[in-house]
């Protein structure tokens, strides 16, 4: 909690009651202001802007409930506690509905409860101020195009984007899935002289092998069964602009020599066509594999790689830039407030610590999905740990051991049991289970299918 002295305004027409609160609250370290009625309270609020208000309900002329409505209209976030000697359940319910933080009865004898309520209000005030500073930081220093981040690794990425944007050379972007490789390609395009021209994105891993050649190079009518018309390929579509080829290492090896020739000559021939069509395109490619390892594994042609690797931009994983997690989360909250018409203010301290400690195998994409889920599930103005997925809330590492009976357990049985136990430990998150086992997430899906394990 902050050491800053908080100002509390006591509103009560009983001078003795005001003085007793004054002595008590000052002993707890608060700065105390006093008002005898609603009129004085309004003046004090305008002049001193107290952090917290404690008000009697029964007062002459204007009641505490009426004052509460006025105070909440002026500043809905300021905590207000109401007290009365003639309390009722209906009055308490109405006070909470009007925005009171709590409702106490006179004489206030449970000082520990009062102190706890004030400390809780202080924590929320400080959290709200931190959140405001965070939102201001996102706007002032944490944004670069569509990117959010102020960490050293991301500043290096921003510098590389600025360096290469105006130089019309091929770029290869490397990094894990979900790190924002397509955003880099967009940023390069938008900061280049080609902005305003087409930006065409093709994911080589998402197109069936039987269709990818037509997608990339285009086709003429009758080139194959089902080709009932002429179709321009992505090079023609991107003419004058930027072509982004995502997951280049997933492109079938049989097509890579043809792609190399097209890049070298600046001309493309559609499937079934005789005419070569010239194009003017800047090519940006991306892969979530280590390109050198992909070459060794026979997934990427070496000559194609060196043709494309004029300029390289490596994207850091989110776990390598954990200081950006609060900035990203606050930015996503603002985005999803607009989308879902919610008014979530920010993330509680305990939830923020959990998010920063999590290794994020799915990177920024995973964080974005989790924040959207939390915004939808949140029951208050804040995202707390209760609306985070179980595998993020599980901060205590498992010490469970897998015991194998050598001589009676098959390799398949051992692998199946290890997969089941790891998925349980990861809360059902396949990406996290893949990270813990040191394998690709596709392997997890393949093993689940092979062993007939229900996800």
Protein backbone atom coordinates (compact mmCIF):
# COMPACT_ATOMS: atom_id res chain seq x y z
CA UNK A 1 0.00 0.00 0.00
CA UNK A 2 1.16 3.53 -0.70
CA UNK A 3 2.56 5.67 2.14
CA UNK A 4 0.79 8.75 0.78
CA UNK A 5 -1.56 10.27 3.38
CA UNK A 6 -5.16 9.86 2.24
CA UNK A 7 -7.79 12.53 2.84
CA UNK A 8 -11.07 11.40 4.41
CA UNK A 9 -14.08 13.70 4.62
CA UNK A 10 -16.44 13.10 7.59
CA UNK A 11 -19.98 14.40 6.97
CA UNK A 12 -22.17 14.41 10.13
CA UNK A 13 -24.37 17.00 11.84
CA UNK A 14 -23.18 15.72 15.25
CA UNK A 15 -19.93 17.56 16.24
CA UNK A 16 -19.05 14.90 18.82
CA UNK A 17 -19.31 12.17 16.22
CA UNK A 18 -17.11 14.14 13.81
CA UNK A 19 -14.47 14.70 16.50
CA UNK A 20 -14.39 11.04 17.55
CA UNK A 21 -13.87 10.00 13.91
CA UNK A 22 -11.21 12.70 13.55
CA UNK A 23 -9.16 11.34 16.46
CA UNK A 24 -9.55 7.72 15.36
CA UNK A 25 -8.72 8.25 11.68
CA UNK A 26 -5.73 10.49 12.39
CA UNK A 27 -4.33 7.76 14.65
CA UNK A 28 -4.48 5.50 11.57
CA UNK A 29 -2.51 7.99 9.52
CA UNK A 30 -5.30 9.69 7.55
CA UNK A 31 -5.78 13.41 6.98
CA UNK A 32 -9.30 14.22 8.20
CA UNK A 33 -11.68 16.89 6.87
CA UNK A 34 -15.06 17.72 8.41
CA UNK A 35 -18.45 18.92 7.14
CA UNK A 36 -21.61 19.47 9.19
CA UNK A 37 -24.08 19.04 6.33
CA UNK A 38 -24.42 18.36 2.60
CA UNK A 39 -23.77 21.99 1.63
CA UNK A 40 -20.44 22.07 3.49
CA UNK A 41 -19.63 18.64 2.10
CA UNK A 42 -20.10 19.83 -1.50
CA UNK A 43 -17.84 22.83 -0.88
CA UNK A 44 -15.18 20.64 0.76
CA UNK A 45 -15.29 18.16 -2.13
CA UNK A 46 -14.80 20.95 -4.67
CA UNK A 47 -11.98 22.56 -2.67
CA UNK A 48 -10.03 19.61 -1.21
CA UNK A 49 -11.02 16.63 -3.41
CA UNK A 50 -11.00 14.01 -0.60
CA UNK A 51 -10.07 10.43 -1.44
CA UNK A 52 -12.78 8.79 0.70
CA UNK A 53 -16.02 10.08 2.23
CA UNK A 54 -17.80 8.83 5.36
CA UNK A 55 -21.29 10.31 5.66
CA UNK A 56 -24.20 10.09 8.06
CA UNK A 57 -27.52 9.19 6.42
CA UNK A 58 -29.90 11.27 8.56
CA UNK A 59 -29.01 14.96 8.24
CA UNK A 60 -31.07 18.16 7.99
CA UNK A 61 -32.27 19.35 4.58
CA UNK A 62 -30.30 16.86 2.44
CA UNK A 63 -29.99 13.21 3.48
CA UNK A 64 -26.87 11.12 3.18
CA UNK A 65 -28.49 9.08 0.38
CA UNK A 66 -29.20 12.24 -1.64
CA UNK A 67 -25.64 13.41 -1.01
CA UNK A 68 -24.38 10.00 -2.11
CA UNK A 69 -26.20 10.33 -5.45
CA UNK A 70 -24.68 13.80 -5.99
CA UNK A 71 -21.18 12.62 -5.08
CA UNK A 72 -21.41 9.60 -7.36
CA UNK A 73 -22.62 11.77 -10.23
CA UNK A 74 -19.55 13.95 -9.83
CA UNK A 75 -17.02 11.13 -9.31
CA UNK A 76 -18.42 7.58 -9.56
CA UNK A 77 -15.10 6.07 -8.47
CA UNK A 78 -14.68 7.87 -5.12
CA UNK A 79 -15.43 5.44 -2.23
CA UNK A 80 -18.32 6.51 0.02
CA UNK A 81 -19.25 4.83 3.34
CA UNK A 82 -22.64 5.56 4.89
CA UNK A 83 -23.44 5.36 8.63
CA UNK A 84 -26.71 5.75 10.55
CA UNK A 85 -28.19 5.08 13.97
CA UNK A 86 -31.54 4.02 12.45
CA UNK A 87 -30.43 1.56 9.83
CA UNK A 88 -32.57 -1.05 8.12
CA UNK A 89 -31.95 -3.76 5.57
CA UNK A 90 -33.94 -1.84 2.93
CA UNK A 91 -31.88 1.29 3.55
CA UNK A 92 -28.63 -0.67 3.33
CA UNK A 93 -29.71 -2.28 0.07
CA UNK A 94 -30.66 1.09 -1.38
CA UNK A 95 -27.32 2.59 -0.29
CA UNK A 96 -25.37 -0.17 -2.03
CA UNK A 97 -27.53 0.22 -5.15
CA UNK A 98 -26.73 3.94 -5.20
CA UNK A 99 -23.01 3.16 -5.13
CA UNK A 100 -22.06 3.18 -1.44
CA UNK A 101 -19.03 1.05 -0.69
CA UNK A 102 -20.59 -0.19 2.57
CA UNK A 103 -23.23 0.66 5.17
CA UNK A 104 -22.40 0.85 8.89
CA UNK A 105 -24.63 1.43 11.92
CA UNK A 106 -24.00 3.81 14.83
CA UNK A 107 -22.33 3.61 17.18
CA UNK A 108 -19.41 2.26 15.17
CA UNK A 109 -17.74 -0.16 17.56
CA UNK A 110 -16.15 -2.61 15.13
CA UNK A 111 -13.08 -0.50 14.44
CA UNK A 112 -11.25 -3.39 12.79
CA UNK A 113 -14.00 -3.71 10.19
CA UNK A 114 -13.91 0.04 9.54
CA UNK A 115 -10.14 -0.02 9.20
CA UNK A 116 -10.33 -2.99 6.80
CA UNK A 117 -12.92 -1.19 4.66
CA UNK A 118 -10.72 1.91 4.47
CA UNK A 119 -7.60 -0.10 3.64
CA UNK A 120 -9.51 -1.93 0.91
CA UNK A 121 -10.68 1.42 -0.48
CA UNK A 122 -7.08 2.66 -0.42
CA UNK A 123 -5.91 -0.37 -2.36
CA UNK A 124 -8.53 0.24 -5.03
CA UNK A 125 -7.63 3.94 -5.25
CA UNK A 126 -3.95 3.08 -5.73
CA UNK A 127 -4.79 0.33 -8.24
CA UNK A 128 -6.96 2.78 -10.19
CA UNK A 129 -4.11 5.31 -10.28
CA UNK A 130 -1.64 2.64 -11.43
CA UNK A 131 -4.08 1.61 -14.14
CA UNK A 132 -4.45 5.21 -15.29
CA UNK A 133 -0.66 5.60 -15.43
CA UNK A 134 -0.51 2.35 -17.40
CA UNK A 135 -3.12 3.55 -19.91
CA UNK A 136 -1.25 6.85 -20.28
CA UNK A 137 1.98 4.94 -20.81
CA UNK A 138 0.39 2.85 -23.56
CA UNK A 139 -0.62 6.05 -25.36
CA UNK A 140 2.60 8.00 -24.80
CA UNK A 141 5.40 5.44 -25.21
CA UNK A 142 3.93 1.96 -25.57
CA UNK A 143 2.47 2.13 -29.08
CA UNK A 144 4.17 1.66 -32.43
CA UNK A 145 1.59 1.29 -35.17
CA UNK A 146 -0.55 -1.65 -34.10
CA UNK A 147 2.09 -2.82 -31.62
CA UNK A 148 2.00 -2.31 -27.87
CA UNK A 149 5.29 -2.61 -25.99
CA UNK A 150 7.99 -0.57 -24.32
CA UNK A 151 10.50 -3.31 -23.43
CA UNK A 152 14.05 -3.34 -24.78
CA UNK A 153 13.41 -6.33 -27.12
CA UNK A 154 10.42 -4.57 -28.68
CA UNK A 155 12.23 -1.27 -29.02
CA UNK A 156 14.84 -3.17 -31.02
CA UNK A 157 12.11 -4.60 -33.25
CA UNK A 158 10.63 -1.12 -33.81
CA UNK A 159 14.09 0.16 -34.75
CA UNK A 160 14.55 -2.64 -37.31
CA UNK A 161 11.12 -1.95 -38.84
CA UNK A 162 11.93 1.74 -39.24
CA UNK A 163 15.33 0.86 -40.70
CA UNK A 164 14.01 -1.47 -43.40
CA UNK A 165 10.60 0.04 -44.23
CA UNK A 166 11.89 2.49 -46.86
CA UNK A 167 14.39 0.04 -48.35
CA UNK A 168 12.64 -2.07 -50.97
CA UNK A 169 14.27 -5.41 -50.07
CA UNK A 170 12.88 -8.81 -49.05
CA UNK A 171 12.44 -9.35 -45.31
CA UNK A 172 12.21 -12.57 -43.33
CA UNK A 173 10.49 -12.44 -39.93
CA UNK A 174 11.18 -15.25 -37.47
CA UNK A 175 9.58 -16.04 -34.15
CA UNK A 176 7.16 -18.32 -32.33
CA UNK A 177 3.48 -18.48 -33.24
CA UNK A 178 1.50 -15.61 -31.75
CA UNK A 179 4.37 -13.12 -31.46
CA UNK A 180 2.98 -10.73 -34.08
CA UNK A 181 4.88 -11.53 -37.26
CA UNK A 182 2.03 -10.40 -39.52
CA UNK A 183 1.82 -7.12 -37.58
CA UNK A 184 5.49 -6.56 -38.44
CA UNK A 185 4.74 -7.14 -42.12
CA UNK A 186 1.81 -4.68 -41.93
CA UNK A 187 3.99 -2.09 -40.20
CA UNK A 188 6.70 -2.41 -42.85
CA UNK A 189 4.09 -1.97 -45.58
CA UNK A 190 2.39 1.03 -43.93
CA UNK A 191 5.71 2.82 -43.32
CA UNK A 192 7.00 2.20 -46.85
CA UNK A 193 6.38 4.10 -50.12
CA UNK A 194 4.04 1.21 -51.04
CA UNK A 195 1.44 2.18 -48.40
CA UNK A 196 -1.92 2.71 -50.02
CA UNK A 197 -1.21 -0.16 -52.41
CA UNK A 198 -2.39 -3.76 -51.82
CA UNK A 199 -1.18 -5.77 -48.85
CA UNK A 200 -1.82 -9.44 -49.57
CA UNK A 201 -1.24 -12.12 -46.91
CA UNK A 202 -1.01 -15.84 -47.71
CA UNK A 203 -0.51 -18.51 -45.05
CA UNK A 204 1.26 -21.46 -46.64
CA UNK A 205 0.33 -23.72 -43.71
CA UNK A 206 -3.39 -22.98 -43.98
CA UNK A 207 -3.91 -23.81 -47.67
CA UNK A 208 -4.31 -27.44 -48.83
CA UNK A 209 -1.34 -28.64 -50.86
CA UNK A 210 -3.60 -29.25 -53.86
CA UNK A 211 -4.65 -25.58 -53.93
CA UNK A 212 -1.56 -23.66 -52.87
CA UNK A 213 0.00 -23.49 -56.33
CA UNK A 214 -3.15 -21.90 -57.73
CA UNK A 215 -3.35 -19.55 -54.74
CA UNK A 216 0.21 -18.33 -55.20
CA UNK A 217 0.59 -18.31 -58.98
CA UNK A 218 -3.03 -18.13 -60.21
CA UNK A 219 -4.65 -20.23 -62.93
CA UNK A 220 -6.36 -20.00 -66.31
CA UNK A 221 -9.77 -21.37 -67.05
CA UNK A 222 -9.65 -25.15 -67.57
CA UNK A 223 -6.17 -25.49 -66.02
CA UNK A 224 -7.54 -28.27 -63.79
CA UNK A 225 -10.84 -29.82 -62.81
CA UNK A 226 -12.98 -27.14 -61.21
CA UNK A 227 -11.09 -24.20 -62.75
CA UNK A 228 -14.19 -22.67 -64.32
CA UNK A 229 -12.67 -19.19 -64.56
CA UNK A 230 -9.43 -17.25 -64.57
CA UNK A 231 -7.88 -16.39 -61.23
CA UNK A 232 -5.02 -14.01 -60.48
CA UNK A 233 -2.41 -15.32 -58.06
CA UNK A 234 -1.19 -13.46 -55.01
CA UNK A 235 1.74 -11.86 -56.88
CA UNK A 236 -0.67 -10.24 -59.33
CA UNK A 237 -3.06 -9.25 -56.54
CA UNK A 238 -0.25 -7.56 -54.63
CA UNK A 239 1.11 -5.67 -57.67
CA UNK A 240 2.53 -2.35 -56.52
CA UNK A 241 2.26 -3.33 -52.86
CA UNK A 242 3.47 -5.97 -50.42
CA UNK A 243 3.07 -9.75 -50.46
CA UNK A 244 3.30 -11.45 -47.08
CA UNK A 245 4.01 -15.18 -47.26
CA UNK A 246 3.46 -16.59 -43.78
CA UNK A 247 4.90 -19.95 -42.65
CA UNK A 248 7.17 -20.15 -45.69
CA UNK A 249 8.82 -23.32 -44.31
CA UNK A 250 5.44 -25.10 -44.64
CA UNK A 251 5.25 -24.50 -48.40
CA UNK A 252 5.57 -27.82 -50.29
CA UNK A 253 9.15 -28.42 -51.41
CA UNK A 254 7.96 -29.09 -54.96
CA UNK A 255 6.73 -25.46 -55.23
CA UNK A 256 9.76 -23.77 -53.72
CA UNK A 257 11.94 -23.88 -56.91
CA UNK A 258 9.10 -22.26 -58.86
CA UNK A 259 8.76 -19.57 -56.19
CA UNK A 260 12.51 -18.95 -56.35
CA UNK A 261 12.35 -18.48 -60.13
CA UNK A 262 9.38 -16.10 -59.86
CA UNK A 263 11.23 -14.01 -57.28
CA UNK A 264 14.38 -13.93 -59.39
CA UNK A 265 12.64 -12.95 -62.65
CA UNK A 266 9.83 -10.73 -61.34
CA UNK A 267 7.38 -12.55 -63.62
CA UNK A 268 4.73 -15.17 -62.94
CA UNK A 269 2.91 -17.64 -65.18
CA UNK A 270 -0.52 -18.85 -64.15
CA UNK A 271 -1.31 -22.55 -64.10
CA UNK A 272 -2.40 -23.54 -67.60
CA UNK A 273 -1.21 -20.24 -69.03
CA UNK A 274 1.44 -19.41 -71.64
CA UNK A 275 1.95 -15.74 -70.90
CA UNK A 276 4.35 -14.45 -68.25
CA UNK A 277 2.96 -11.54 -66.26
CA UNK A 278 5.35 -8.99 -64.77
CA UNK A 279 4.72 -7.74 -61.28
CA UNK A 280 6.16 -5.18 -58.89
CA UNK A 281 5.90 -6.62 -55.38
CA UNK A 282 7.85 -6.37 -52.17
CA UNK A 283 8.03 -9.81 -50.55
CA UNK A 284 7.97 -10.27 -46.77
CA UNK A 285 7.99 -13.82 -45.42
CA UNK A 286 7.69 -15.31 -41.94
CA UNK A 287 8.27 -18.63 -40.24
CA UNK A 288 7.87 -19.94 -36.71
CA UNK A 289 10.70 -22.41 -37.33
CA UNK A 290 14.42 -21.84 -37.10
CA UNK A 291 15.21 -21.34 -40.82
CA UNK A 292 18.61 -23.08 -40.61
CA UNK A 293 17.04 -26.08 -38.88
CA UNK A 294 14.23 -26.07 -41.46
CA UNK A 295 16.88 -26.30 -44.19
CA UNK A 296 18.55 -29.22 -42.40
CA UNK A 297 15.17 -30.92 -41.97
CA UNK A 298 14.43 -30.60 -45.69
CA UNK A 299 11.51 -28.20 -45.19
CA UNK A 300 13.08 -25.10 -46.74
CA UNK A 301 15.38 -24.81 -49.76
CA UNK A 302 18.67 -23.19 -48.90
CA UNK A 303 18.78 -21.12 -52.11
CA UNK A 304 15.25 -19.81 -51.46
CA UNK A 305 16.17 -18.88 -47.90
CA UNK A 306 19.19 -16.87 -48.97
CA UNK A 307 17.12 -15.20 -51.68
CA UNK A 308 14.63 -14.05 -49.05
CA UNK A 309 17.01 -13.36 -46.18
CA UNK A 310 18.21 -9.92 -47.26
CA UNK A 311 16.98 -8.45 -43.97
CA UNK A 312 15.91 -10.42 -40.90
CA UNK A 313 13.68 -9.39 -38.00
CA UNK A 314 13.52 -11.83 -35.05
CA UNK A 315 10.40 -11.47 -32.90
CA UNK A 316 10.86 -12.02 -29.14
CA UNK A 317 8.57 -14.40 -27.29
CA UNK A 318 6.27 -12.78 -24.73
CA UNK A 319 8.13 -14.50 -21.88
CA UNK A 320 11.23 -12.56 -23.01
CA UNK A 321 9.37 -9.24 -22.61
CA UNK A 322 7.30 -9.82 -19.47
CA UNK A 323 7.35 -6.09 -18.63
CA UNK A 324 5.08 -5.59 -21.64
CA UNK A 325 2.39 -7.93 -20.27
CA UNK A 326 0.59 -5.22 -18.20
CA UNK A 327 0.72 -2.78 -21.14
CA UNK A 328 -0.67 -5.36 -23.53
CA UNK A 329 -3.37 -6.44 -21.08
CA UNK A 330 -4.53 -2.85 -20.52
CA UNK A 331 -4.62 -2.25 -24.27
CA UNK A 332 -6.68 -5.42 -24.82
CA UNK A 333 -9.08 -4.41 -22.01
CA UNK A 334 -9.77 -1.12 -23.81
CA UNK A 335 -10.30 -3.02 -27.08
CA UNK A 336 -12.71 -5.54 -25.59
CA UNK A 337 -14.59 -2.93 -23.57
CA UNK A 338 -15.50 -1.37 -26.92
CA UNK A 339 -16.35 -4.73 -28.46
CA UNK A 340 -18.48 -6.11 -25.60
CA UNK A 341 -19.81 -2.77 -24.25
CA UNK A 342 -18.24 -3.36 -20.85
CA UNK A 343 -16.49 -0.96 -18.46
CA UNK A 344 -13.65 -3.00 -17.01
CA UNK A 345 -11.07 -0.63 -15.52
CA UNK A 346 -8.03 -2.86 -15.26
CA UNK A 347 -6.39 -5.88 -13.65
CA UNK A 348 -6.07 -6.52 -9.92
CA UNK A 349 -2.62 -6.84 -8.40
CA UNK A 350 -2.89 -10.59 -7.79
CA UNK A 351 -4.06 -11.23 -11.36
CA UNK A 352 -1.27 -9.03 -12.76
CA UNK A 353 1.35 -11.05 -10.84
CA UNK A 354 -0.05 -14.31 -12.19
CA UNK A 355 -0.03 -12.99 -15.76
CA UNK A 356 3.56 -11.83 -15.47
CA UNK A 357 4.67 -15.18 -14.01
CA UNK A 358 3.01 -17.30 -16.70
CA UNK A 359 5.39 -18.41 -19.53
CA UNK A 360 2.93 -17.69 -22.40
CA UNK A 361 3.58 -20.54 -24.83
CA UNK A 362 0.96 -18.99 -27.12
CA UNK A 363 2.54 -15.55 -26.79
CA UNK A 364 0.57 -12.32 -27.41
CA UNK A 365 -2.23 -14.18 -29.19
CA UNK A 366 -2.81 -16.31 -26.08
CA UNK A 367 -2.76 -13.25 -23.80
CA UNK A 368 -5.29 -11.49 -26.03
CA UNK A 369 -7.69 -14.46 -25.89
CA UNK A 370 -7.36 -14.75 -22.11
CA UNK A 371 -8.07 -11.04 -21.58
CA UNK A 372 -11.17 -11.22 -23.78
CA UNK A 373 -12.38 -14.21 -21.76
CA UNK A 374 -11.71 -12.34 -18.51
CA UNK A 375 -13.53 -9.20 -19.71
CA UNK A 376 -16.61 -11.29 -20.50
CA UNK A 377 -16.49 -13.19 -17.17
CA UNK A 378 -15.56 -10.31 -14.84
CA UNK A 379 -18.20 -9.63 -12.19
CA UNK A 380 -16.82 -6.26 -11.10
CA UNK A 381 -14.87 -3.35 -12.54
CA UNK A 382 -11.64 -5.31 -12.19
CA UNK A 383 -10.24 -8.52 -13.64
CA UNK A 384 -9.12 -10.59 -10.68
CA UNK A 385 -7.52 -14.01 -10.47
CA UNK A 386 -10.89 -15.83 -10.24
CA UNK A 387 -11.67 -15.16 -13.92
CA UNK A 388 -8.28 -16.35 -15.17
CA UNK A 389 -8.00 -19.93 -16.50
CA UNK A 390 -7.07 -22.61 -13.92
CA UNK A 391 -3.69 -23.31 -15.51
CA UNK A 392 -2.68 -19.68 -14.93
CA UNK A 393 -4.00 -19.64 -11.36
CA UNK A 394 -2.01 -22.80 -10.56
CA UNK A 395 1.18 -21.20 -9.30
CA UNK A 396 2.29 -24.15 -7.15
CA UNK A 397 4.36 -26.55 -9.29
CA UNK A 398 3.32 -30.16 -9.24
CA UNK A 399 5.64 -32.63 -7.53
CA UNK A 400 3.78 -35.65 -8.84
CA UNK A 401 6.05 -38.36 -10.22
CA UNK A 402 5.25 -40.79 -13.00
CA UNK A 403 6.16 -44.32 -11.90
CA UNK A 404 6.89 -46.84 -14.67
CA UNK A 405 7.06 -50.58 -14.06
CA UNK A 406 10.04 -51.59 -16.15
CA UNK A 407 9.48 -54.86 -17.90
CA UNK A 408 5.69 -54.67 -17.94
CA UNK A 409 5.01 -51.16 -19.33
CA UNK A 410 5.21 -50.57 -23.07
CA UNK A 411 6.68 -47.41 -24.57
CA UNK A 412 3.23 -46.46 -25.88
CA UNK A 413 1.63 -46.89 -22.44
CA UNK A 414 4.33 -44.78 -20.79
CA UNK A 415 3.99 -42.03 -23.39
CA UNK A 416 0.20 -42.06 -23.13
CA UNK A 417 0.29 -41.77 -19.34
CA UNK A 418 2.88 -38.97 -19.48
CA UNK A 419 0.72 -37.06 -21.96
CA UNK A 420 -2.41 -37.41 -19.79
CA UNK A 421 -0.59 -36.35 -16.59
CA UNK A 422 1.06 -33.36 -18.28
CA UNK A 423 -2.25 -32.16 -19.74
CA UNK A 424 -3.82 -32.40 -16.27
CA UNK A 425 -0.94 -30.39 -14.81
CA UNK A 426 -1.36 -27.78 -17.55
CA UNK A 427 -5.09 -27.44 -16.85
CA UNK A 428 -5.96 -28.87 -20.27
CA UNK A 429 -3.94 -26.21 -22.11
CA UNK A 430 -2.32 -28.07 -25.01
CA UNK A 431 0.14 -25.28 -25.81
CA UNK A 432 1.37 -25.25 -22.20
CA UNK A 433 1.59 -29.06 -22.18
CA UNK A 434 3.66 -28.88 -25.38
CA UNK A 435 5.99 -26.37 -23.74
CA UNK A 436 6.45 -28.57 -20.66
CA UNK A 437 7.16 -31.64 -22.79
CA UNK A 438 9.46 -29.76 -25.18
CA UNK A 439 7.47 -30.63 -28.32
CA UNK A 440 5.42 -28.77 -30.93
CA UNK A 441 1.72 -28.33 -30.14
CA UNK A 442 0.90 -30.23 -33.35
CA UNK A 443 2.60 -33.24 -31.79
CA UNK A 444 0.22 -33.01 -28.83
CA UNK A 445 -2.81 -33.10 -31.15
CA UNK A 446 -1.36 -36.01 -33.13
CA UNK A 447 -0.66 -37.99 -29.95
CA UNK A 448 -4.16 -37.32 -28.59
CA UNK A 449 -5.60 -38.68 -31.80
CA UNK A 450 -3.21 -41.65 -31.93
CA UNK A 451 -3.97 -42.69 -28.34
CA UNK A 452 -7.69 -41.89 -28.65
CA UNK A 453 -7.53 -39.45 -25.71
CA UNK A 454 -10.46 -37.11 -25.31
CA UNK A 455 -9.17 -33.46 -25.12
